[in-house]
Protein backbone atom coordinates (compact mmCIF):
# COMPACT_ATOMS: atom_id res chain seq x y z
CA MET A 1 200.32 236.37 143.69
CA VAL A 2 200.41 237.78 140.18
CA PRO A 3 201.10 234.42 138.47
CA LEU A 4 198.25 232.75 140.41
CA ALA A 5 195.79 235.48 139.45
CA GLY A 6 197.04 235.50 135.87
CA GLN A 7 196.65 231.75 135.52
CA ALA A 8 193.14 231.87 136.96
CA ALA A 9 192.20 234.69 134.57
CA VAL A 10 193.44 232.70 131.58
CA ILE A 11 191.47 229.62 132.68
CA VAL A 12 188.30 231.71 133.07
CA ALA A 13 188.82 233.34 129.66
CA VAL A 14 189.25 229.92 128.02
CA MET A 15 186.13 228.54 129.72
CA LEU A 16 183.78 231.40 128.77
CA PRO A 17 183.18 230.17 125.18
CA PHE A 18 182.26 226.74 126.61
CA GLY A 19 179.33 228.06 128.60
CA PHE A 20 181.02 228.98 131.86
CA HIS A 21 178.82 231.50 133.65
CA LEU A 22 181.00 234.11 135.32
CA TYR A 23 180.01 235.81 138.57
CA PRO A 24 182.53 238.69 138.51
CA ALA A 25 182.33 239.79 142.17
CA ARG A 26 182.58 236.23 143.45
CA ALA A 27 185.33 235.40 140.97
CA LEU A 28 187.32 238.38 142.28
CA LEU A 29 186.78 237.07 145.79
CA GLY A 30 188.07 233.68 144.60
CA LEU A 31 191.14 235.39 143.12
CA ALA A 32 191.69 237.20 146.42
CA LEU A 33 191.53 233.84 148.17
CA LEU A 34 194.12 232.46 145.75
CA ALA A 35 196.33 235.50 146.34
CA LEU A 36 196.13 235.11 150.12
CA PHE A 37 197.07 231.44 149.86
CA GLY A 38 199.82 232.29 147.37
CA VAL A 39 201.46 234.63 149.89
CA GLY A 40 201.73 231.82 152.41
CA LEU A 41 202.84 229.20 149.90
CA GLY A 42 205.42 231.55 148.38
CA SER A 43 206.82 232.40 151.80
CA LEU A 44 207.08 228.74 152.75
CA SER A 45 208.78 228.00 149.44
CA TYR A 46 211.26 230.82 150.08
CA ALA A 47 212.03 229.44 153.55
CA LEU A 48 212.63 226.00 152.06
CA ALA A 49 214.92 227.46 149.41
CA VAL A 50 216.96 229.29 152.06
CA ALA A 51 217.23 226.14 154.19
CA VAL A 52 218.37 224.05 151.23
CA ALA A 53 220.69 226.72 149.81
CA VAL A 54 222.67 226.60 153.03
CA ARG A 55 223.59 223.03 152.13
CA ARG A 56 224.81 224.09 148.66
CA THR A 57 222.68 221.50 146.90
CA ASP A 58 220.27 223.33 144.63
CA TRP A 59 218.63 220.15 143.33
CA MET A 60 217.56 219.27 146.88
CA PHE A 61 215.09 222.17 146.88
CA TRP A 62 213.14 220.64 143.99
CA ALA A 63 213.26 217.16 145.49
CA VAL A 64 211.85 218.31 148.82
CA HIS A 65 209.44 220.78 147.24
CA GLN A 66 207.88 218.23 144.89
CA THR A 67 207.82 215.54 147.58
CA LEU A 68 205.65 217.84 149.69
CA LEU A 69 203.65 219.47 146.91
CA PHE A 70 202.30 216.45 145.02
CA PRO A 71 200.68 214.70 148.00
CA LEU A 72 199.08 218.02 148.99
CA MET A 73 197.71 218.45 145.47
CA ILE A 74 196.40 214.87 145.29
CA LEU A 75 194.76 215.22 148.72
CA SER A 76 193.17 218.54 147.72
CA GLY A 77 190.75 217.14 145.17
CA MET A 78 192.40 219.30 142.52
CA LEU A 79 193.78 216.39 140.50
CA LEU A 80 191.51 213.51 141.53
CA PRO A 81 187.95 213.59 142.87
CA GLN A 82 187.93 212.97 146.62
CA GLU A 83 184.48 211.38 146.56
CA SER A 84 185.72 208.27 144.75
CA GLY A 85 188.83 207.86 146.92
CA PRO A 86 189.15 205.61 149.95
CA GLY A 87 187.95 206.82 153.35
CA SER A 88 191.52 207.23 154.59
CA MET A 89 192.23 209.61 151.70
CA ARG A 90 189.14 211.70 152.48
CA THR A 91 190.14 211.82 156.15
CA ALA A 92 193.67 212.95 155.30
CA ALA A 93 192.25 215.55 152.90
CA SER A 94 190.21 217.09 155.69
CA PHE A 95 193.51 218.17 157.33
CA ASN A 96 194.89 219.62 154.10
CA PRO A 97 194.44 223.42 153.89
CA LEU A 98 194.68 223.22 150.10
CA ALA A 99 191.59 220.96 150.00
CA HIS A 100 189.55 223.59 151.82
CA MET A 101 190.90 226.25 149.48
CA VAL A 102 190.06 224.27 146.34
CA SER A 103 186.50 223.65 147.52
CA ALA A 104 186.00 227.31 148.43
CA VAL A 105 187.34 228.61 145.11
CA ARG A 106 185.14 226.18 143.17
CA LEU A 107 182.06 227.40 145.05
CA LEU A 108 182.99 231.06 144.58
CA PHE A 109 183.49 230.65 140.84
CA ALA A 110 180.13 228.83 140.72
CA GLY A 111 178.50 231.90 142.29
CA ARG A 112 177.91 230.39 145.74
CA ILE A 113 179.24 232.53 148.56
CA ALA A 114 177.08 231.91 151.62
CA GLU A 115 178.48 228.50 152.48
CA THR A 116 180.60 227.29 155.38
CA THR A 117 183.01 225.71 152.90
CA VAL A 118 183.90 229.18 151.63
CA ALA A 119 184.55 230.36 155.20
CA TRP A 120 186.78 227.33 155.83
CA GLY A 121 188.67 228.12 152.63
CA PHE A 122 189.40 231.64 153.84
CA ILE A 123 190.43 230.33 157.26
CA ALA A 124 192.79 227.81 155.65
CA ALA A 125 194.26 230.46 153.32
CA ALA A 126 194.72 232.96 156.16
CA ALA A 127 196.35 230.32 158.37
CA THR A 128 198.68 229.29 155.54
CA ALA A 129 199.57 232.94 154.90
CA ALA A 130 200.23 233.60 158.60
CA VAL A 131 202.41 230.51 159.06
CA GLY A 132 204.17 231.15 155.75
CA LEU A 133 204.94 234.76 156.59
CA VAL A 134 206.27 233.90 160.05
CA VAL A 135 208.49 231.12 158.68
CA GLY A 136 209.52 233.12 155.61
CA ILE A 137 210.44 236.24 157.57
CA ARG A 138 212.49 234.18 160.04
CA ALA A 139 214.30 232.51 157.14
CA MET A 140 214.96 235.88 155.54
CA ARG A 141 216.40 237.29 158.78
CA ARG A 142 218.65 234.27 159.24
CA SER A 143 219.94 234.42 155.66
CA THR A 144 221.17 238.01 155.92
């Protein structure tokens, strides 16, 4: 959670001289959303590392991790705008929890809080955290 919040803080600090208008309370809420999602993502990453470590092939973790991570990032609208993508890409993105998170964080940092997109972002982050914690805790118990 700390690296996610730190990276977001650096990005905000860099953008301030370029006219970025900061809404501190909503930005903190956006950071909380990132932290919640980070708990789930970190736990899932830990579970993957434990599963791969059992096979004694450390490089396999990175291969599987990046194979899963890049499509999620592309389908989130973080790297490419979803609006200009094909309909199939927009449909697939609607099932990606990261896409809901990205949209919610963008709205929060823009000062807009009373939107259903923000609620969906928190639902996606909470669901990711819940699934990640369940899977991560099970992996931790099995590894000991």
